[in-house]
Amino acid sequence: MNVNKVVSNPLNLYRYLLRQCKKLPTNAQDHYKHHVRQSFNSHIDETNPERIRQIIERAMEDAEWIVKKYSKQPGM
């Protein structure tokens, strides 16, 4: 399944990012969940479809990077 098709709107992105947080170590999950909530709330009023697309793309890239970062650490 192509993630970009699943994450087609901000609410789906929010859900996807919270699921990605579950892949992180327990001690990092709360930090990133808080960050996801704060970012979602700060962009809640965004109406420009192009800007929304940019935000979704960047959030997906950042989530992938963070999950890879933690998966390379020993003890995971």
PDB file of N, CA and C in Angstrom:
ATOM      1  N   MET A   1       0.840  -1.177   0.000  1.00  0.00           N
ATOM      2  CA  MET A   1       0.000   0.000   0.000  1.00  0.00           C
ATOM      3  C   MET A   1       0.886   1.242   0.000  1.00  0.00           C
ATOM      4  N   ASN A   2       0.560   2.193  -0.833  1.00  0.00           N
ATOM      5  CA  ASN A   2       1.313   3.431  -0.929  1.00  0.00           C
ATOM      6  C   ASN A   2       0.864   4.379   0.179  1.00  0.00           C
ATOM      7  N   VAL A   3       1.786   4.777   1.043  1.00  0.00           N
ATOM      8  CA  VAL A   3       1.460   5.633   2.178  1.00  0.00           C
ATOM      9  C   VAL A   3       0.925   6.978   1.709  1.00  0.00           C
ATOM     10  N   ASN A   4       1.447   7.509   0.612  1.00  0.00           N
ATOM     11  CA  ASN A   4       0.994   8.809   0.134  1.00  0.00           C
ATOM     12  C   ASN A   4      -0.485   8.807  -0.222  1.00  0.00           C
ATOM     13  N   LYS A   5      -1.030   7.673  -0.641  1.00  0.00           N
ATOM     14  CA  LYS A   5      -2.459   7.595  -0.937  1.00  0.00           C
ATOM     15  C   LYS A   5      -3.273   7.528   0.349  1.00  0.00           C
ATOM     16  N   VAL A   6      -2.744   6.891   1.366  1.00  0.00           N
ATOM     17  CA  VAL A   6      -3.428   6.795   2.652  1.00  0.00           C
ATOM     18  C   VAL A   6      -3.423   8.149   3.347  1.00  0.00           C
ATOM     19  N   VAL A   7      -2.328   8.868   3.237  1.00  0.00           N
ATOM     20  CA  VAL A   7      -2.177  10.164   3.882  1.00  0.00           C
ATOM     21  C   VAL A   7      -2.501  11.247   2.857  1.00  0.00           C
ATOM     22  N   SER A   8      -3.781  11.438   2.627  1.00  0.00           N
ATOM     23  CA  SER A   8      -4.210  12.389   1.604  1.00  0.00           C
ATOM     24  C   SER A   8      -4.793  13.661   2.195  1.00  0.00           C
ATOM     25  N   ASN A   9      -4.983  13.677   3.510  1.00  0.00           N
ATOM     26  CA  ASN A   9      -5.518  14.881   4.143  1.00  0.00           C
ATOM     27  C   ASN A   9      -4.912  15.026   5.533  1.00  0.00           C
ATOM     28  N   PRO A  10      -5.057  16.193   6.150  1.00  0.00           N
ATOM     29  CA  PRO A  10      -4.403  16.441   7.443  1.00  0.00           C
ATOM     30  C   PRO A  10      -4.806  15.467   8.555  1.00  0.00           C
ATOM     31  N   LEU A  11      -6.062  15.069   8.605  1.00  0.00           N
ATOM     32  CA  LEU A  11      -6.475  14.148   9.663  1.00  0.00           C
ATOM     33  C   LEU A  11      -5.821  12.780   9.493  1.00  0.00           C
ATOM     34  N   ASN A  12      -5.742  12.308   8.266  1.00  0.00           N
ATOM     35  CA  ASN A  12      -5.054  11.037   8.010  1.00  0.00           C
ATOM     36  C   ASN A  12      -3.573  11.150   8.340  1.00  0.00           C
ATOM     37  N   LEU A  13      -2.984  12.300   8.041  1.00  0.00           N
ATOM     38  CA  LEU A  13      -1.578  12.530   8.390  1.00  0.00           C
ATOM     39  C   LEU A  13      -1.395  12.452   9.896  1.00  0.00           C
ATOM     40  N   TYR A  14      -2.265  13.110  10.638  1.00  0.00           N
ATOM     41  CA  TYR A  14      -2.198  13.113  12.097  1.00  0.00           C
ATOM     42  C   TYR A  14      -2.239  11.679  12.638  1.00  0.00           C
ATOM     43  N   ARG A  15      -3.173  10.891  12.151  1.00  0.00           N
ATOM     44  CA  ARG A  15      -3.293   9.496  12.593  1.00  0.00           C
ATOM     45  C   ARG A  15      -2.044   8.695  12.230  1.00  0.00           C
ATOM     46  N   TYR A  16      -1.571   8.889  11.014  1.00  0.00           N
ATOM     47  CA  TYR A  16      -0.376   8.178  10.553  1.00  0.00           C
ATOM     48  C   TYR A  16       0.826   8.520  11.437  1.00  0.00           C
ATOM     49  N   LEU A  17       1.011   9.800  11.732  1.00  0.00           N
ATOM     50  CA  LEU A  17       2.160  10.211  12.539  1.00  0.00           C
ATOM     51  C   LEU A  17       2.077   9.653  13.957  1.00  0.00           C
ATOM     52  N   LEU A  18       0.884   9.614  14.526  1.00  0.00           N
ATOM     53  CA  LEU A  18       0.751   9.021  15.862  1.00  0.00           C
ATOM     54  C   LEU A  18       1.061   7.527  15.834  1.00  0.00           C
ATOM     55  N   ARG A  19       0.683   6.844  14.759  1.00  0.00           N
ATOM     56  CA  ARG A  19       1.041   5.419  14.629  1.00  0.00           C
ATOM     57  C   ARG A  19       2.555   5.260  14.476  1.00  0.00           C
ATOM     58  N   GLN A  20       3.192   6.172  13.756  1.00  0.00           N
ATOM     59  CA  GLN A  20       4.645   6.112  13.598  1.00  0.00           C
ATOM     60  C   GLN A  20       5.339   6.289  14.948  1.00  0.00           C
ATOM     61  N   CYS A  21       4.761   7.095  15.827  1.00  0.00           N
ATOM     62  CA  CYS A  21       5.353   7.305  17.151  1.00  0.00           C
ATOM     63  C   CYS A  21       5.455   5.998  17.929  1.00  0.00           C
ATOM     64  N   LYS A  22       4.554   5.073  17.669  1.00  0.00           N
ATOM     65  CA  LYS A  22       4.582   3.784  18.369  1.00  0.00           C
ATOM     66  C   LYS A  22       5.793   2.948  17.988  1.00  0.00           C
ATOM     67  N   LYS A  23       6.448   3.291  16.890  1.00  0.00           N
ATOM     68  CA  LYS A  23       7.647   2.576  16.457  1.00  0.00           C
ATOM     69  C   LYS A  23       8.896   3.063  17.187  1.00  0.00           C
ATOM     70  N   LEU A  24       8.760   4.153  17.921  1.00  0.00           N
ATOM     71  CA  LEU A  24       9.900   4.760  18.608  1.00  0.00           C
ATOM     72  C   LEU A  24      10.062   4.159  19.996  1.00  0.00           C
ATOM     73  N   PRO A  25      11.241   4.345  20.595  1.00  0.00           N
ATOM     74  CA  PRO A  25      11.436   3.884  21.971  1.00  0.00           C
ATOM     75  C   PRO A  25      10.428   4.563  22.900  1.00  0.00           C
ATOM     76  N   THR A  26      10.049   3.871  23.939  1.00  0.00           N
ATOM     77  CA  THR A  26       9.039   4.369  24.871  1.00  0.00           C
ATOM     78  C   THR A  26       9.381   5.749  25.406  1.00  0.00           C
ATOM     79  N   ASN A  27      10.649   5.981  25.721  1.00  0.00           N
ATOM     80  CA  ASN A  27      11.032   7.268  26.297  1.00  0.00           C
ATOM     81  C   ASN A  27      10.978   8.415  25.289  1.00  0.00           C
ATOM     82  N   ALA A  28      10.866   8.144  24.004  1.00  0.00           N
ATOM     83  CA  ALA A  28      10.780   9.198  22.986  1.00  0.00           C
ATOM     84  C   ALA A  28       9.353   9.399  22.477  1.00  0.00           C
ATOM     85  N   GLN A  29       8.490   8.441  22.719  1.00  0.00           N
ATOM     86  CA  GLN A  29       7.138   8.500  22.158  1.00  0.00           C
ATOM     87  C   GLN A  29       6.359   9.727  22.610  1.00  0.00           C
ATOM     88  N   ASP A  30       6.369  10.023  23.897  1.00  0.00           N
ATOM     89  CA  ASP A  30       5.600  11.167  24.394  1.00  0.00           C
ATOM     90  C   ASP A  30       6.079  12.476  23.789  1.00  0.00           C
ATOM     91  N   HIS A  31       7.385  12.615  23.658  1.00  0.00           N
ATOM     92  CA  HIS A  31       7.938  13.839  23.069  1.00  0.00           C
ATOM     93  C   HIS A  31       7.416  14.039  21.647  1.00  0.00           C
ATOM     94  N   TYR A  32       7.496  13.015  20.840  1.00  0.00           N
ATOM     95  CA  TYR A  32       7.085  13.146  19.440  1.00  0.00           C
ATOM     96  C   TYR A  32       5.569  13.224  19.287  1.00  0.00           C
ATOM     97  N   LYS A  33       4.815  12.549  20.147  1.00  0.00           N
ATOM     98  CA  LYS A  33       3.356  12.688  20.115  1.00  0.00           C
ATOM     99  C   LYS A  33       2.960  14.129  20.425  1.00  0.00           C
ATOM    100  N   HIS A  34       3.621  14.714  21.404  1.00  0.00           N
ATOM    101  CA  HIS A  34       3.356  16.113  21.747  1.00  0.00           C
ATOM    102  C   HIS A  34       3.683  17.024  20.561  1.00  0.00           C
ATOM    103  N   HIS A  35       4.804  16.774  19.923  1.00  0.00           N
ATOM    104  CA  HIS A  35       5.207  17.571  18.761  1.00  0.00           C
ATOM    105  C   HIS A  35       4.181  17.447  17.631  1.00  0.00           C
ATOM    106  N   VAL A  36       3.690  16.240  17.387  1.00  0.00           N
ATOM    107  CA  VAL A  36       2.684  16.020  16.337  1.00  0.00           C
ATOM    108  C   VAL A  36       1.421  16.818  16.659  1.00  0.00           C
ATOM    109  N   ARG A  37       0.967  16.744  17.905  1.00  0.00           N
ATOM    110  CA  ARG A  37      -0.244  17.485  18.301  1.00  0.00           C
ATOM    111  C   ARG A  37      -0.051  18.987  18.143  1.00  0.00           C
ATOM    112  N   GLN A  38       1.094  19.489  18.590  1.00  0.00           N
ATOM    113  CA  GLN A  38       1.361  20.928  18.494  1.00  0.00           C
ATOM    114  C   GLN A  38       1.404  21.387  17.041  1.00  0.00           C
ATOM    115  N   SER A  39       2.045  20.618  16.202  1.00  0.00           N
ATOM    116  CA  SER A  39       2.137  20.978  14.783  1.00  0.00           C
ATOM    117  C   SER A  39       0.768  20.935  14.120  1.00  0.00           C
ATOM    118  N   PHE A  40      -0.014  19.923  14.449  1.00  0.00           N
ATOM    119  CA  PHE A  40      -1.364  19.825  13.887  1.00  0.00           C
ATOM    120  C   PHE A  40      -2.186  21.042  14.301  1.00  0.00           C
ATOM    121  N   ASN A  41      -2.135  21.386  15.584  1.00  0.00           N
ATOM    122  CA  ASN A  41      -2.903  22.536  16.073  1.00  0.00           C
ATOM    123  C   ASN A  41      -2.428  23.853  15.470  1.00  0.00           C
ATOM    124  N   SER A  42      -1.150  23.985  15.229  1.00  0.00           N
ATOM    125  CA  SER A  42      -0.639  25.245  14.676  1.00  0.00           C
ATOM    126  C   SER A  42      -0.989  25.420  13.204  1.00  0.00           C
ATOM    127  N   HIS A  43      -1.336  24.325  12.519  1.00  0.00           N
ATOM    128  CA  HIS A  43      -1.678  24.409  11.094  1.00  0.00           C
ATOM    129  C   HIS A  43      -3.161  24.132  10.835  1.00  0.00           C
ATOM    130  N   ILE A  44      -3.957  24.066  11.877  1.00  0.00           N
ATOM    131  CA  ILE A  44      -5.364  23.682  11.749  1.00  0.00           C
ATOM    132  C   ILE A  44      -6.162  24.637  10.856  1.00  0.00           C
ATOM    133  N   ASP A  45      -5.766  25.900  10.807  1.00  0.00           N
ATOM    134  CA  ASP A  45      -6.508  26.897  10.027  1.00  0.00           C
ATOM    135  C   ASP A  45      -6.017  27.022   8.590  1.00  0.00           C
ATOM    136  N   GLU A  46      -5.044  26.228   8.210  1.00  0.00           N
ATOM    137  CA  GLU A  46      -4.492  26.308   6.843  1.00  0.00           C
ATOM    138  C   GLU A  46      -5.549  25.882   5.825  1.00  0.00           C
ATOM    139  N   THR A  47      -5.752  26.710   4.791  1.00  0.00           N
ATOM    140  CA  THR A  47      -6.761  26.411   3.772  1.00  0.00           C
ATOM    141  C   THR A  47      -6.174  26.272   2.373  1.00  0.00           C
ATOM    142  N   ASN A  48      -4.946  26.710   2.180  1.00  0.00           N
ATOM    143  CA  ASN A  48      -4.313  26.653   0.864  1.00  0.00           C
ATOM    144  C   ASN A  48      -3.930  25.198   0.554  1.00  0.00           C
ATOM    145  N   PRO A  49      -4.555  24.595  -0.472  1.00  0.00           N
ATOM    146  CA  PRO A  49      -4.277  23.185  -0.788  1.00  0.00           C
ATOM    147  C   PRO A  49      -2.805  22.905  -1.098  1.00  0.00           C
ATOM    148  N   GLU A  50      -2.132  23.826  -1.749  1.00  0.00           N
ATOM    149  CA  GLU A  50      -0.716  23.631  -2.069  1.00  0.00           C
ATOM    150  C   GLU A  50       0.119  23.627  -0.793  1.00  0.00           C
ATOM    151  N   ARG A  51      -0.173  24.535   0.122  1.00  0.00           N
ATOM    152  CA  ARG A  51       0.553  24.596   1.392  1.00  0.00           C
ATOM    153  C   ARG A  51       0.275  23.331   2.215  1.00  0.00           C
ATOM    154  N   ILE A  52      -0.958  22.863   2.216  1.00  0.00           N
ATOM    155  CA  ILE A  52      -1.302  21.632   2.934  1.00  0.00           C
ATOM    156  C   ILE A  52      -0.513  20.459   2.364  1.00  0.00           C
ATOM    157  N   ARG A  53      -0.420  20.383   1.052  1.00  0.00           N
ATOM    158  CA  ARG A  53       0.349  19.316   0.404  1.00  0.00           C
ATOM    159  C   ARG A  53       1.813  19.385   0.832  1.00  0.00           C
ATOM    160  N   GLN A  54       2.376  20.609   0.879  1.00  0.00           N
ATOM    161  CA  GLN A  54       3.768  20.784   1.296  1.00  0.00           C
ATOM    162  C   GLN A  54       3.971  20.326   2.746  1.00  0.00           C
ATOM    163  N   ILE A  55       3.036  20.689   3.607  1.00  0.00           N
ATOM    164  CA  ILE A  55       3.133  20.304   5.019  1.00  0.00           C
ATOM    165  C   ILE A  55       3.092  18.786   5.158  1.00  0.00           C
ATOM    166  N   ILE A  56       2.181  18.150   4.414  1.00  0.00           N
ATOM    167  CA  ILE A  56       2.062  16.688   4.468  1.00  0.00           C
ATOM    168  C   ILE A  56       3.351  16.031   3.988  1.00  0.00           C
ATOM    169  N   GLU A  57       3.889  16.499   2.870  1.00  0.00           N
ATOM    170  CA  GLU A  57       5.133  15.921   2.336  1.00  0.00           C
ATOM    171  C   GLU A  57       6.274  16.056   3.326  1.00  0.00           C
ATOM    172  N   ARG A  58       6.416  17.237   3.905  1.00  0.00           N
ATOM    173  CA  ARG A  58       7.513  17.475   4.848  1.00  0.00           C
ATOM    174  C   ARG A  58       7.351  16.624   6.108  1.00  0.00           C
ATOM    175  N   ALA A  59       6.127  16.524   6.593  1.00  0.00           N
ATOM    176  CA  ALA A  59       5.876  15.721   7.792  1.00  0.00           C
ATOM    177  C   ALA A  59       6.190  14.249   7.539  1.00  0.00           C
ATOM    178  N   MET A  60       5.858  13.767   6.350  1.00  0.00           N
ATOM    179  CA  MET A  60       6.149  12.374   5.998  1.00  0.00           C
ATOM    180  C   MET A  60       7.658  12.140   5.947  1.00  0.00           C
ATOM    181  N   GLU A  61       8.384  13.073   5.334  1.00  0.00           N
ATOM    182  CA  GLU A  61       9.846  12.956   5.261  1.00  0.00           C
ATOM    183  C   GLU A  61      10.455  12.973   6.657  1.00  0.00           C
ATOM    184  N   ASP A  62       9.987  13.899   7.496  1.00  0.00           N
ATOM    185  CA  ASP A  62      10.517  14.004   8.854  1.00  0.00           C
ATOM    186  C   ASP A  62      10.236  12.740   9.666  1.00  0.00           C
ATOM    187  N   ALA A  63       9.028  12.199   9.536  1.00  0.00           N
ATOM    188  CA  ALA A  63       8.670  10.987  10.277  1.00  0.00           C
ATOM    189  C   ALA A  63       9.553   9.819   9.856  1.00  0.00           C
ATOM    190  N   GLU A  64       9.773   9.694   8.561  1.00  0.00           N
ATOM    191  CA  GLU A  64      10.633   8.615   8.061  1.00  0.00           C
ATOM    192  C   GLU A  64      12.048   8.762   8.618  1.00  0.00           C
ATOM    193  N   TRP A  65      12.564   9.983   8.631  1.00  0.00           N
ATOM    194  CA  TRP A  65      13.908  10.230   9.139  1.00  0.00           C
ATOM    195  C   TRP A  65      14.007   9.882  10.626  1.00  0.00           C
ATOM    196  N   ILE A  66      13.010  10.284  11.401  1.00  0.00           N
ATOM    197  CA  ILE A  66      13.040  10.033  12.844  1.00  0.00           C
ATOM    198  C   ILE A  66      12.973   8.538  13.140  1.00  0.00           C
ATOM    199  N   VAL A  67      12.095   7.826  12.452  1.00  0.00           N
ATOM    200  CA  VAL A  67      11.987   6.380  12.673  1.00  0.00           C
ATOM    201  C   VAL A  67      13.298   5.695  12.297  1.00  0.00           C
ATOM    202  N   LYS A  68      13.904   6.098  11.185  1.00  0.00           N
ATOM    203  CA  LYS A  68      15.196   5.517  10.790  1.00  0.00           C
ATOM    204  C   LYS A  68      16.276   5.842  11.812  1.00  0.00           C
ATOM    205  N   LYS A  69      16.269   7.067  12.310  1.00  0.00           N
ATOM    206  CA  LYS A  69      17.264   7.491  13.300  1.00  0.00           C
ATOM    207  C   LYS A  69      17.215   6.585  14.526  1.00  0.00           C
ATOM    208  N   TYR A  70      16.032   6.343  15.038  1.00  0.00           N
ATOM    209  CA  TYR A  70      15.908   5.517  16.235  1.00  0.00           C
ATOM    210  C   TYR A  70      16.112   4.038  15.944  1.00  0.00           C
ATOM    211  N   SER A  71      15.827   3.595  14.740  1.00  0.00           N
ATOM    212  CA  SER A  71      16.005   2.176  14.430  1.00  0.00           C
ATOM    213  C   SER A  71      17.478   1.814  14.272  1.00  0.00           C
ATOM    214  N   LYS A  72      18.339   2.803  14.067  1.00  0.00           N
ATOM    215  CA  LYS A  72      19.776   2.551  13.938  1.00  0.00           C
ATOM    216  C   LYS A  72      20.476   2.521  15.287  1.00  0.00           C
ATOM    217  N   GLN A  73      19.796   2.958  16.339  1.00  0.00           N
ATOM    218  CA  GLN A  73      20.417   2.995  17.652  1.00  0.00           C
ATOM    219  C   GLN A  73      20.453   1.593  18.247  1.00  0.00           C
ATOM    220  N   PRO A  74      21.560   1.256  18.903  1.00  0.00           N
ATOM    221  CA  PRO A  74      21.653  -0.067  19.530  1.00  0.00           C
ATOM    222  C   PRO A  74      20.651  -0.196  20.678  1.00  0.00           C
ATOM    223  N   GLY A  75      20.218  -1.407  20.893  1.00  0.00           N
ATOM    224  CA  GLY A  75      19.311  -1.659  22.001  1.00  0.00           C
ATOM    225  C   GLY A  75      17.853  -1.521  21.647  1.00  0.00           C
ATOM    226  N   MET A  76      17.553  -1.385  20.381  1.00  0.00           N
ATOM    227  CA  MET A  76      16.153  -1.258  19.964  1.00  0.00           C
ATOM    228  C   MET A  76      15.613  -2.604  19.583  1.00  0.00           C
TER     229      MET A  76
END
